[in-house]
Amino acid sequence: MSAFTGLVLWAILFVLCWPIAILLLFLYPLIWLILLPFRLLGFGVTLTLSMIFALFMLPFSLMR
């Protein structure tokens, strides 16, 4: 989600229900820290799968 979209959504939430918006503003760093290991795990899995794909495709790229 882009920063502008997040800001607009937060502003709409602030207008509709400001206590939840303030709570979300304070809890966002904690949620980000909790989700950080899953992001790193996804990055590692992506790198591993791309390396395996490159190893399988190596003979075909060498034949070219």
Protein backbone atom coordinates (compact mmCIF):
# COMPACT_ATOMS: atom_id res chain seq x y z
CA MET A 1 0.00 0.00 0.00
CA SER A 2 1.41 3.37 -0.91
CA ALA A 3 2.00 6.00 1.74
CA PHE A 4 -0.58 8.35 0.25
CA THR A 5 -3.28 5.67 0.20
CA GLY A 6 -2.55 4.78 3.81
CA LEU A 7 -2.70 8.43 4.82
CA VAL A 8 -6.03 8.96 3.07
CA LEU A 9 -7.52 5.82 4.64
CA TRP A 10 -6.28 6.89 8.06
CA ALA A 11 -7.77 10.37 7.58
CA ILE A 12 -11.14 8.87 6.65
CA LEU A 13 -10.98 6.62 9.71
CA PHE A 14 -10.05 9.66 11.83
CA VAL A 15 -13.13 11.52 10.62
CA LEU A 16 -15.44 8.55 11.15
CA CYS A 17 -14.08 7.22 14.45
CA TRP A 18 -11.17 9.14 15.95
CA PRO A 19 -10.47 6.88 18.99
CA ILE A 20 -9.79 3.88 16.76
CA ALA A 21 -7.62 6.03 14.48
CA ILE A 22 -5.50 7.27 17.40
CA LEU A 23 -5.19 3.71 18.74
CA LEU A 24 -4.12 2.50 15.31
CA LEU A 25 -1.56 5.30 15.11
CA PHE A 26 0.09 4.10 18.33
CA LEU A 27 -0.22 0.36 17.60
CA TYR A 28 1.12 0.49 14.03
CA PRO A 29 4.83 0.26 15.02
CA LEU A 30 4.09 -2.73 17.25
CA ILE A 31 2.17 -4.47 14.46
CA TRP A 32 5.03 -3.72 12.05
CA LEU A 33 7.54 -5.30 14.44
CA ILE A 34 5.38 -8.40 14.85
CA LEU A 35 5.02 -8.84 11.07
CA LEU A 36 8.72 -8.19 10.28
CA PRO A 37 9.89 -11.83 10.73
CA PHE A 38 7.24 -13.03 8.28
CA ARG A 39 8.46 -10.50 5.71
CA LEU A 40 12.04 -11.68 6.16
CA LEU A 41 10.93 -15.30 5.87
CA GLY A 42 9.09 -14.52 2.64
CA PHE A 43 12.17 -12.77 1.27
CA GLY A 44 14.32 -15.80 2.11
CA VAL A 45 11.87 -18.24 0.52
CA THR A 46 11.69 -16.12 -2.63
CA LEU A 47 15.47 -16.02 -2.92
CA THR A 48 15.76 -19.78 -2.36
CA LEU A 49 13.12 -20.61 -4.96
CA SER A 50 14.66 -18.25 -7.51
CA MET A 51 18.07 -19.88 -6.96
CA ILE A 52 16.58 -23.36 -7.48
CA PHE A 53 14.84 -22.12 -10.63
CA ALA A 54 18.11 -20.65 -11.92
CA LEU A 55 19.91 -23.94 -11.28
CA PHE A 56 17.29 -25.90 -13.23
CA MET A 57 17.38 -23.42 -16.12
CA LEU A 58 21.19 -23.25 -16.25
CA PRO A 59 21.61 -25.99 -18.91
CA PHE A 60 19.08 -24.30 -21.18
CA SER A 61 20.76 -20.93 -20.86
CA LEU A 62 24.17 -22.51 -21.54
CA MET A 63 22.84 -24.15 -24.73
CA ARG A 64 21.75 -20.77 -26.10
